[in-house]
């Protein structure tokens, strides 16, 4: 009986020694949360993969692509090519009316001022009083003849404009053609026209022509020069008269200028 009891005690002791490590092993595998911190971290990709997060923001990663979406700033040449007006002045010039484009209805063919009017148009000295009128019979004011003279004499290549009236007065004062008593609204007489044209050409010296009988001494040299240059032949031959106080019309003034600047070697037909 005693021997059987000892045998049972040994068996029980052996069983207990095997159960303790098995229980410990089973207990350790039951708590992976505490034993595998790596696995726990891998469950939070937001903190561990910043590259993947950045890859979802291509706007910040591809500035080149963003710039390529703004061709206006990258291709100024293309922008300039859209403005042919600034790049191709030739068409603008070619569309400007070729002078003498206006065919004035009040400038009859064959009349003495026909060629002078054409010349004045070509030289941009005048463009008429309207698209179809030159108004040759209209009295010419003193500021008008100065403007014609200014345009005929200048060499800057500028086109005529409304500012020329003021510029012409300044130019005439510089050339000593007029002084501070000048009144541009006054009609231009034949004597005044002779004086202005003579002074515009630099007051060339000539001998006073003995045929002058109705010209004041102050204008005698100017009128004599006009006669010498065949710019005028007076208003009468026998007796010779120049008629210095007679008001000039636009047809007569443009004829004087044409003969002075463009046809000095031609004998005037009249005036």
C-alpha atoms as a PDB file:
ATOM      1  CA  UNK A   1       0.000   0.000   0.000  1.00  0.00           C
ATOM      2  CA  UNK A   2       2.771   2.376   0.862  1.00  0.00           C
ATOM      3  CA  UNK A   3       4.570   1.502  -2.329  1.00  0.00           C
ATOM      4  CA  UNK A   4       1.506   2.304  -4.452  1.00  0.00           C
ATOM      5  CA  UNK A   5       1.177   5.708  -2.822  1.00  0.00           C
ATOM      6  CA  UNK A   6       4.755   6.649  -3.661  1.00  0.00           C
ATOM      7  CA  UNK A   7       4.235   5.614  -7.284  1.00  0.00           C
ATOM      8  CA  UNK A   8       1.170   7.901  -7.597  1.00  0.00           C
ATOM      9  CA  UNK A   9       3.091  10.788  -6.045  1.00  0.00           C
ATOM     10  CA  UNK A  10       5.895  10.460  -8.568  1.00  0.00           C
ATOM     11  CA  UNK A  11       3.444  10.358 -11.468  1.00  0.00           C
ATOM     12  CA  UNK A  12       1.702  13.473 -10.171  1.00  0.00           C
ATOM     13  CA  UNK A  13       4.991  15.304  -9.765  1.00  0.00           C
ATOM     14  CA  UNK A  14       6.006  14.509 -13.335  1.00  0.00           C
ATOM     15  CA  UNK A  15       2.706  15.753 -14.684  1.00  0.00           C
ATOM     16  CA  UNK A  16       3.064  19.048 -12.819  1.00  0.00           C
ATOM     17  CA  UNK A  17       6.595  19.570 -14.134  1.00  0.00           C
ATOM     18  CA  UNK A  18       5.387  19.207 -17.762  1.00  0.00           C
ATOM     19  CA  UNK A  19       2.289  21.393 -17.346  1.00  0.00           C
ATOM     20  CA  UNK A  20       4.089  24.494 -16.029  1.00  0.00           C
ATOM     21  CA  UNK A  21       6.299  25.171 -19.118  1.00  0.00           C
ATOM     22  CA  UNK A  22       3.424  24.331 -21.487  1.00  0.00           C
ATOM     23  CA  UNK A  23       1.160  26.795 -19.702  1.00  0.00           C
ATOM     24  CA  UNK A  24       3.879  29.452 -19.860  1.00  0.00           C
ATOM     25  CA  UNK A  25       4.390  28.897 -23.555  1.00  0.00           C
ATOM     26  CA  UNK A  26       0.670  29.043 -24.262  1.00  0.00           C
ATOM     27  CA  UNK A  27       0.351  32.185 -22.170  1.00  0.00           C
ATOM     28  CA  UNK A  28       3.201  33.965 -24.046  1.00  0.00           C
ATOM     29  CA  UNK A  29       1.663  33.443 -27.568  1.00  0.00           C
ATOM     30  CA  UNK A  30      -1.675  34.783 -26.402  1.00  0.00           C
ATOM     31  CA  UNK A  31      -0.371  38.432 -26.179  1.00  0.00           C
ATOM     32  CA  UNK A  32       1.170  39.391 -29.577  1.00  0.00           C
ATOM     33  CA  UNK A  33       0.337  43.072 -29.019  1.00  0.00           C
ATOM     34  CA  UNK A  34       2.962  43.347 -26.335  1.00  0.00           C
ATOM     35  CA  UNK A  35       5.536  41.106 -27.975  1.00  0.00           C
ATOM     36  CA  UNK A  36       5.573  42.526 -31.615  1.00  0.00           C
ATOM     37  CA  UNK A  37       5.919  46.297 -31.624  1.00  0.00           C
ATOM     38  CA  UNK A  38       7.084  46.156 -35.234  1.00  0.00           C
ATOM     39  CA  UNK A  39       3.792  44.717 -36.347  1.00  0.00           C
ATOM     40  CA  UNK A  40       1.996  47.378 -34.327  1.00  0.00           C
ATOM     41  CA  UNK A  41       3.989  50.166 -36.087  1.00  0.00           C
ATOM     42  CA  UNK A  42       3.374  48.637 -39.509  1.00  0.00           C
ATOM     43  CA  UNK A  43      -0.318  49.048 -38.929  1.00  0.00           C
ATOM     44  CA  UNK A  44       0.196  52.869 -39.145  1.00  0.00           C
ATOM     45  CA  UNK A  45       1.492  53.535 -42.688  1.00  0.00           C
ATOM     46  CA  UNK A  46       0.649  57.219 -42.421  1.00  0.00           C
ATOM     47  CA  UNK A  47       3.580  57.752 -40.021  1.00  0.00           C
ATOM     48  CA  UNK A  48       5.988  55.368 -41.700  1.00  0.00           C
ATOM     49  CA  UNK A  49       5.617  56.248 -45.434  1.00  0.00           C
ATOM     50  CA  UNK A  50       5.886  59.987 -45.927  1.00  0.00           C
ATOM     51  CA  UNK A  51       7.044  59.391 -49.507  1.00  0.00           C
ATOM     52  CA  UNK A  52       3.728  57.795 -50.419  1.00  0.00           C
ATOM     53  CA  UNK A  53       1.888  60.711 -48.846  1.00  0.00           C
ATOM     54  CA  UNK A  54       3.964  63.254 -50.837  1.00  0.00           C
ATOM     55  CA  UNK A  55       3.345  61.356 -54.026  1.00  0.00           C
ATOM     56  CA  UNK A  56      -0.323  62.297 -53.823  1.00  0.00           C
ATOM     57  CA  UNK A  57       0.601  66.005 -54.287  1.00  0.00           C
ATOM     58  CA  UNK A  58       1.982  66.277 -57.829  1.00  0.00           C
ATOM     59  CA  UNK A  59       1.401  70.058 -57.892  1.00  0.00           C
ATOM     60  CA  UNK A  60       4.326  70.551 -55.506  1.00  0.00           C
ATOM     61  CA  UNK A  61       6.481  67.868 -57.090  1.00  0.00           C
ATOM     62  CA  UNK A  62       6.226  68.960 -60.760  1.00  0.00           C
ATOM     63  CA  UNK A  63       6.671  72.720 -61.080  1.00  0.00           C
ATOM     64  CA  UNK A  64       7.793  72.256 -64.669  1.00  0.00           C
ATOM     65  CA  UNK A  65       4.399  70.894 -65.623  1.00  0.00           C
ATOM     66  CA  UNK A  66       2.751  73.812 -63.863  1.00  0.00           C
ATOM     67  CA  UNK A  67       4.884  76.322 -65.777  1.00  0.00           C
ATOM     68  CA  UNK A  68       4.133  74.643 -69.067  1.00  0.00           C
ATOM     69  CA  UNK A  69       0.487  75.479 -68.542  1.00  0.00           C
ATOM     70  CA  UNK A  70       1.315  79.220 -68.950  1.00  0.00           C
ATOM     71  CA  UNK A  71       2.487  79.608 -72.543  1.00  0.00           C
ATOM     72  CA  UNK A  72       1.712  83.338 -72.487  1.00  0.00           C
ATOM     73  CA  UNK A  73       4.707  83.945 -70.209  1.00  0.00           C
ATOM     74  CA  UNK A  74       6.947  81.431 -71.913  1.00  0.00           C
ATOM     75  CA  UNK A  75       6.471  82.421 -75.533  1.00  0.00           C
ATOM     76  CA  UNK A  76       6.536  86.213 -75.935  1.00  0.00           C
ATOM     77  CA  UNK A  77       7.419  85.763 -79.571  1.00  0.00           C
ATOM     78  CA  UNK A  78       4.081  84.125 -80.215  1.00  0.00           C
ATOM     79  CA  UNK A  79       2.338  86.937 -78.372  1.00  0.00           C
ATOM     80  CA  UNK A  80       4.149  89.535 -80.486  1.00  0.00           C
ATOM     81  CA  UNK A  81       3.238  87.739 -83.672  1.00  0.00           C
ATOM     82  CA  UNK A  82      -0.403  88.342 -82.825  1.00  0.00           C
ATOM     83  CA  UNK A  83       0.137  92.087 -83.324  1.00  0.00           C
ATOM     84  CA  UNK A  84       0.942  92.527 -87.006  1.00  0.00           C
ATOM     85  CA  UNK A  85       0.121  96.225 -86.777  1.00  0.00           C
ATOM     86  CA  UNK A  86       3.305  96.840 -84.774  1.00  0.00           C
ATOM     87  CA  UNK A  87       5.451  94.447 -86.822  1.00  0.00           C
ATOM     88  CA  UNK A  88       4.422  95.261 -90.340  1.00  0.00           C
ATOM     89  CA  UNK A  89       4.277  99.060 -90.933  1.00  0.00           C
ATOM     90  CA  UNK A  90       4.578  98.583 -94.692  1.00  0.00           C
ATOM     91  CA  UNK A  91       0.870  97.727 -95.215  1.00  0.00           C
ATOM     92  CA  UNK A  92      -0.077 100.830 -93.249  1.00  0.00           C
ATOM     93  CA  UNK A  93       2.135 102.961 -95.467  1.00  0.00           C
ATOM     94  CA  UNK A  94       0.876 101.324 -98.633  1.00  0.00           C
ATOM     95  CA  UNK A  95      -2.747 102.007 -97.729  1.00  0.00           C
ATOM     96  CA  UNK A  96      -2.057 105.732 -97.315  1.00  0.00           C
ATOM     97  CA  UNK A  97      -3.624 107.511-100.321  1.00  0.00           C
ATOM     98  CA  UNK A  98      -1.063 107.990-103.049  1.00  0.00           C
ATOM     99  CA  UNK A  99      -0.904 111.683-103.713  1.00  0.00           C
ATOM    100  CA  UNK A 100      -2.371 113.389-105.550  1.00  0.00           C
ATOM    101  CA  UNK A 101      -5.200 111.019-104.604  1.00  0.00           C
ATOM    102  CA  UNK A 102      -7.863 113.699-104.089  1.00  0.00           C
ATOM    103  CA  UNK A 103      -9.163 114.900-107.431  1.00  0.00           C
ATOM    104  CA  UNK A 104     -10.363 118.312-106.450  1.00  0.00           C
ATOM    105  CA  UNK A 105     -13.509 119.314-108.264  1.00  0.00           C
ATOM    106  CA  UNK A 106     -12.520 122.983-108.022  1.00  0.00           C
ATOM    107  CA  UNK A 107      -9.134 122.590-109.755  1.00  0.00           C
ATOM    108  CA  UNK A 108      -9.896 122.587-113.485  1.00  0.00           C
ATOM    109  CA  UNK A 109      -7.544 120.867-115.888  1.00  0.00           C
ATOM    110  CA  UNK A 110      -5.147 123.252-117.589  1.00  0.00           C
ATOM    111  CA  UNK A 111      -5.564 126.126-115.125  1.00  0.00           C
ATOM    112  CA  UNK A 112      -2.336 127.815-113.984  1.00  0.00           C
ATOM    113  CA  UNK A 113      -2.485 126.372-110.452  1.00  0.00           C
ATOM    114  CA  UNK A 114      -3.224 122.762-111.494  1.00  0.00           C
ATOM    115  CA  UNK A 115       0.403 121.591-111.353  1.00  0.00           C
ATOM    116  CA  UNK A 116       1.183 123.638-108.221  1.00  0.00           C
ATOM    117  CA  UNK A 117      -1.717 121.994-106.380  1.00  0.00           C
ATOM    118  CA  UNK A 118      -0.517 118.521-107.414  1.00  0.00           C
ATOM    119  CA  UNK A 119       2.989 119.401-106.255  1.00  0.00           C
ATOM    120  CA  UNK A 120       1.717 120.696-102.908  1.00  0.00           C
ATOM    121  CA  UNK A 121      -0.222 117.468-102.366  1.00  0.00           C
ATOM    122  CA  UNK A 122       2.768 115.294-103.211  1.00  0.00           C
ATOM    123  CA  UNK A 123       5.001 117.266-100.835  1.00  0.00           C
ATOM    124  CA  UNK A 124       2.390 117.184 -98.064  1.00  0.00           C
ATOM    125  CA  UNK A 125       2.286 120.972 -98.018  1.00  0.00           C
ATOM    126  CA  UNK A 126      -1.492 121.008 -98.200  1.00  0.00           C
ATOM    127  CA  UNK A 127      -4.301 118.481 -98.393  1.00  0.00           C
ATOM    128  CA  UNK A 128      -7.113 120.793 -99.346  1.00  0.00           C
ATOM    129  CA  UNK A 129      -9.995 122.232 -97.387  1.00  0.00           C
ATOM    130  CA  UNK A 130     -12.006 119.002 -97.763  1.00  0.00           C
ATOM    131  CA  UNK A 131     -11.750 115.631 -99.459  1.00  0.00           C
ATOM    132  CA  UNK A 132     -12.834 117.134-102.795  1.00  0.00           C
ATOM    133  CA  UNK A 133     -12.070 120.847-102.445  1.00  0.00           C
ATOM    134  CA  UNK A 134      -8.889 122.884-102.532  1.00  0.00           C
ATOM    135  CA  UNK A 135     -10.703 126.237-102.460  1.00  0.00           C
ATOM    136  CA  UNK A 136      -8.254 128.057-104.735  1.00  0.00           C
ATOM    137  CA  UNK A 137     -10.321 131.257-104.764  1.00  0.00           C
ATOM    138  CA  UNK A 138     -10.424 131.513-100.980  1.00  0.00           C
ATOM    139  CA  UNK A 139      -8.340 134.309 -99.457  1.00  0.00           C
ATOM    140  CA  UNK A 140      -5.104 133.035 -97.957  1.00  0.00           C
ATOM    141  CA  UNK A 141      -4.345 134.200 -94.427  1.00  0.00           C
ATOM    142  CA  UNK A 142      -0.864 135.049 -93.240  1.00  0.00           C
ATOM    143  CA  UNK A 143      -0.723 132.001 -90.957  1.00  0.00           C
ATOM    144  CA  UNK A 144      -1.677 129.798 -93.916  1.00  0.00           C
ATOM    145  CA  UNK A 145       1.193 130.959 -96.107  1.00  0.00           C
ATOM    146  CA  UNK A 146       3.614 130.571 -93.203  1.00  0.00           C
ATOM    147  CA  UNK A 147       2.341 127.026 -92.676  1.00  0.00           C
ATOM    148  CA  UNK A 148       2.824 126.251 -96.379  1.00  0.00           C
ATOM    149  CA  UNK A 149       6.326 127.716 -96.250  1.00  0.00           C
ATOM    150  CA  UNK A 150       7.182 125.786 -93.099  1.00  0.00           C
ATOM    151  CA  UNK A 151       6.073 122.486 -94.610  1.00  0.00           C
ATOM    152  CA  UNK A 152       7.904 123.187 -97.863  1.00  0.00           C
ATOM    153  CA  UNK A 153      11.147 124.047 -96.089  1.00  0.00           C
ATOM    154  CA  UNK A 154      11.295 121.442 -93.344  1.00  0.00           C
ATOM    155  CA  UNK A 155      13.351 118.280 -93.786  1.00  0.00           C
ATOM    156  CA  UNK A 156      12.240 116.180 -90.810  1.00  0.00           C
ATOM    157  CA  UNK A 157       9.977 113.973 -92.917  1.00  0.00           C
ATOM    158  CA  UNK A 158       7.014 114.464 -90.603  1.00  0.00           C
ATOM    159  CA  UNK A 159       3.495 114.434 -91.958  1.00  0.00           C
ATOM    160  CA  UNK A 160       1.437 117.598 -91.833  1.00  0.00           C
ATOM    161  CA  UNK A 161      -0.764 118.079 -88.780  1.00  0.00           C
ATOM    162  CA  UNK A 162      -2.841 120.703 -86.985  1.00  0.00           C
ATOM    163  CA  UNK A 163       0.175 121.532 -84.809  1.00  0.00           C
ATOM    164  CA  UNK A 164       1.964 122.905 -87.860  1.00  0.00           C
ATOM    165  CA  UNK A 165       0.234 126.274 -87.535  1.00  0.00           C
ATOM    166  CA  UNK A 166       1.872 126.923 -84.180  1.00  0.00           C
ATOM    167  CA  UNK A 167       5.161 125.377 -85.269  1.00  0.00           C
ATOM    168  CA  UNK A 168       5.155 127.511 -88.410  1.00  0.00           C
ATOM    169  CA  UNK A 169       4.812 130.727 -86.403  1.00  0.00           C
ATOM    170  CA  UNK A 170       7.707 129.717 -84.139  1.00  0.00           C
ATOM    171  CA  UNK A 171       9.806 128.775 -87.172  1.00  0.00           C
ATOM    172  CA  UNK A 172       9.020 132.077 -88.898  1.00  0.00           C
ATOM    173  CA  UNK A 173      10.101 134.042 -85.814  1.00  0.00           C
ATOM    174  CA  UNK A 174      13.376 132.117 -85.679  1.00  0.00           C
ATOM    175  CA  UNK A 175      13.975 132.883 -89.362  1.00  0.00           C
ATOM    176  CA  UNK A 176      13.157 136.605 -88.783  1.00  0.00           C
ATOM    177  CA  UNK A 177      10.319 136.346 -91.255  1.00  0.00           C
ATOM    178  CA  UNK A 178       7.900 137.848 -88.718  1.00  0.00           C
ATOM    179  CA  UNK A 179       8.114 139.598 -85.363  1.00  0.00           C
ATOM    180  CA  UNK A 180       5.937 139.796 -82.253  1.00  0.00           C
ATOM    181  CA  UNK A 181       3.418 142.044 -84.016  1.00  0.00           C
ATOM    182  CA  UNK A 182       2.406 139.176 -86.299  1.00  0.00           C
ATOM    183  CA  UNK A 183      -1.343 138.633 -86.719  1.00  0.00           C
ATOM    184  CA  UNK A 184      -1.973 135.343 -88.449  1.00  0.00           C
ATOM    185  CA  UNK A 185      -5.619 136.064 -89.153  1.00  0.00           C
ATOM    186  CA  UNK A 186      -4.806 138.926 -91.509  1.00  0.00           C
ATOM    187  CA  UNK A 187      -5.117 138.218 -95.231  1.00  0.00           C
ATOM    188  CA  UNK A 188      -1.865 137.729 -97.055  1.00  0.00           C
ATOM    189  CA  UNK A 189      -1.215 140.383 -99.714  1.00  0.00           C
ATOM    190  CA  UNK A 190       1.084 139.977-102.691  1.00  0.00           C
ATOM    191  CA  UNK A 191       3.640 142.249-101.029  1.00  0.00           C
ATOM    192  CA  UNK A 192       3.526 140.205 -97.813  1.00  0.00           C
ATOM    193  CA  UNK A 193       3.850 136.950 -99.759  1.00  0.00           C
ATOM    194  CA  UNK A 194       6.922 138.267-101.604  1.00  0.00           C
ATOM    195  CA  UNK A 195       8.519 139.351 -98.318  1.00  0.00           C
ATOM    196  CA  UNK A 196       7.819 136.015 -96.571  1.00  0.00           C
ATOM    197  CA  UNK A 197       9.096 133.851 -99.437  1.00  0.00           C
ATOM    198  CA  UNK A 198      12.217 135.986 -99.916  1.00  0.00           C
ATOM    199  CA  UNK A 199      13.043 135.792 -96.211  1.00  0.00           C
ATOM    200  CA  UNK A 200      12.375 132.026 -96.139  1.00  0.00           C
ATOM    201  CA  UNK A 201      15.072 131.666 -98.803  1.00  0.00           C
ATOM    202  CA  UNK A 202      17.556 133.599 -96.676  1.00  0.00           C
ATOM    203  CA  UNK A 203      17.058 137.153 -98.018  1.00  0.00           C
ATOM    204  CA  UNK A 204      19.238 136.785-101.103  1.00  0.00           C
ATOM    205  CA  UNK A 205      20.610 140.078-102.420  1.00  0.00           C
ATOM    206  CA  UNK A 206      19.605 141.321-105.851  1.00  0.00           C
ATOM    207  CA  UNK A 207      19.517 144.680-107.573  1.00  0.00           C
ATOM    208  CA  UNK A 208      16.223 146.467-107.388  1.00  0.00           C
ATOM    209  CA  UNK A 209      14.407 146.110-110.681  1.00  0.00           C
ATOM    210  CA  UNK A 210      13.786 149.448-112.317  1.00  0.00           C
ATOM    211  CA  UNK A 211      10.364 148.411-113.607  1.00  0.00           C
ATOM    212  CA  UNK A 212       8.908 148.499-110.121  1.00  0.00           C
ATOM    213  CA  UNK A 213       6.637 151.489-109.812  1.00  0.00           C
ATOM    214  CA  UNK A 214       3.987 150.432-107.304  1.00  0.00           C
ATOM    215  CA  UNK A 215       6.201 148.667-104.740  1.00  0.00           C
ATOM    216  CA  UNK A 216       7.361 150.277-101.496  1.00  0.00           C
ATOM    217  CA  UNK A 217      11.071 150.542-100.918  1.00  0.00           C
ATOM    218  CA  UNK A 218      10.895 148.028 -98.051  1.00  0.00           C
ATOM    219  CA  UNK A 219       9.571 145.319-100.383  1.00  0.00           C
ATOM    220  CA  UNK A 220      11.530 146.292-103.503  1.00  0.00           C
ATOM    221  CA  UNK A 221      14.366 143.781-103.031  1.00  0.00           C
ATOM    222  CA  UNK A 222      11.969 140.925-102.265  1.00  0.00           C
ATOM    223  CA  UNK A 223       9.811 141.626-105.330  1.00  0.00           C
ATOM    224  CA  UNK A 224      12.883 142.092-107.527  1.00  0.00           C
ATOM    225  CA  UNK A 225      14.126 138.678-106.411  1.00  0.00           C
ATOM    226  CA  UNK A 226      10.703 137.180-107.187  1.00  0.00           C
ATOM    227  CA  UNK A 227      10.928 138.628-110.689  1.00  0.00           C
ATOM    228  CA  UNK A 228      14.483 137.373-111.175  1.00  0.00           C
ATOM    229  CA  UNK A 229      13.516 133.863-110.078  1.00  0.00           C
ATOM    230  CA  UNK A 230      10.476 133.953-112.386  1.00  0.00           C
ATOM    231  CA  UNK A 231       8.162 133.384-109.438  1.00  0.00           C
ATOM    232  CA  UNK A 232       5.981 136.228-110.658  1.00  0.00           C
ATOM    233  CA  UNK A 233       5.709 138.520-113.663  1.00  0.00           C
ATOM    234  CA  UNK A 234       3.353 140.993-112.085  1.00  0.00           C
ATOM    235  CA  UNK A 235      -0.290 141.693-112.737  1.00  0.00           C
ATOM    236  CA  UNK A 236       0.301 143.956-115.702  1.00  0.00           C
ATOM    237  CA  UNK A 237       3.017 144.365-118.328  1.00  0.00           C
ATOM    238  CA  UNK A 238       2.440 147.846-119.711  1.00  0.00           C
ATOM    239  CA  UNK A 239       2.761 149.561-117.469  1.00  0.00           C
ATOM    240  CA  UNK A 240       4.309 146.973-115.212  1.00  0.00           C
ATOM    241  CA  UNK A 241       2.390 146.507-111.984  1.00  0.00           C
ATOM    242  CA  UNK A 242       2.968 144.095-109.143  1.00  0.00           C
ATOM    243  CA  UNK A 243      -0.095 145.116-107.099  1.00  0.00           C
ATOM    244  CA  UNK A 244       1.484 144.546-103.647  1.00  0.00           C
ATOM    245  CA  UNK A 245      -1.717 145.392-101.743  1.00  0.00           C
ATOM    246  CA  UNK A 246      -3.855 142.881-103.602  1.00  0.00           C
ATOM    247  CA  UNK A 247      -4.946 139.969-101.357  1.00  0.00           C
ATOM    248  CA  UNK A 248      -3.688 136.577-102.520  1.00  0.00           C
ATOM    249  CA  UNK A 249      -5.960 133.600-102.800  1.00  0.00           C
ATOM    250  CA  UNK A 250      -4.900 130.021-102.120  1.00  0.00           C
ATOM    251  CA  UNK A 251      -4.386 129.251-105.802  1.00  0.00           C
ATOM    252  CA  UNK A 252      -1.957 132.149-106.189  1.00  0.00           C
ATOM    253  CA  UNK A 253      -0.001 131.353-103.019  1.00  0.00           C
ATOM    254  CA  UNK A 254       0.498 127.692-103.902  1.00  0.00           C
ATOM    255  CA  UNK A 255       1.642 128.807-107.363  1.00  0.00           C
ATOM    256  CA  UNK A 256       4.249 131.157-105.877  1.00  0.00           C
ATOM    257  CA  UNK A 257       5.570 128.337-103.687  1.00  0.00           C
ATOM    258  CA  UNK A 258       5.641 125.844-106.547  1.00  0.00           C
ATOM    259  CA  UNK A 259       7.655 128.224-108.697  1.00  0.00           C
ATOM    260  CA  UNK A 260      10.003 129.066-105.837  1.00  0.00           C
ATOM    261  CA  UNK A 261      10.708 125.497-104.735  1.00  0.00           C
ATOM    262  CA  UNK A 262      10.010 123.239-107.708  1.00  0.00           C
ATOM    263  CA  UNK A 263      10.066 125.180-110.934  1.00  0.00           C
ATOM    264  CA  UNK A 264      12.467 128.089-110.599  1.00  0.00           C
ATOM    265  CA  UNK A 265      13.552 127.758-114.223  1.00  0.00           C
ATOM    266  CA  UNK A 266      10.058 127.973-115.684  1.00  0.00           C
ATOM    267  CA  UNK A 267       8.552 131.211-116.885  1.00  0.00           C
ATOM    268  CA  UNK A 268       5.277 131.758-115.031  1.00  0.00           C
ATOM    269  CA  UNK A 269       2.142 131.822-117.108  1.00  0.00           C
ATOM    270  CA  UNK A 270       0.528 134.525-115.036  1.00  0.00           C
ATOM    271  CA  UNK A 271       0.397 136.061-111.556  1.00  0.00           C
END
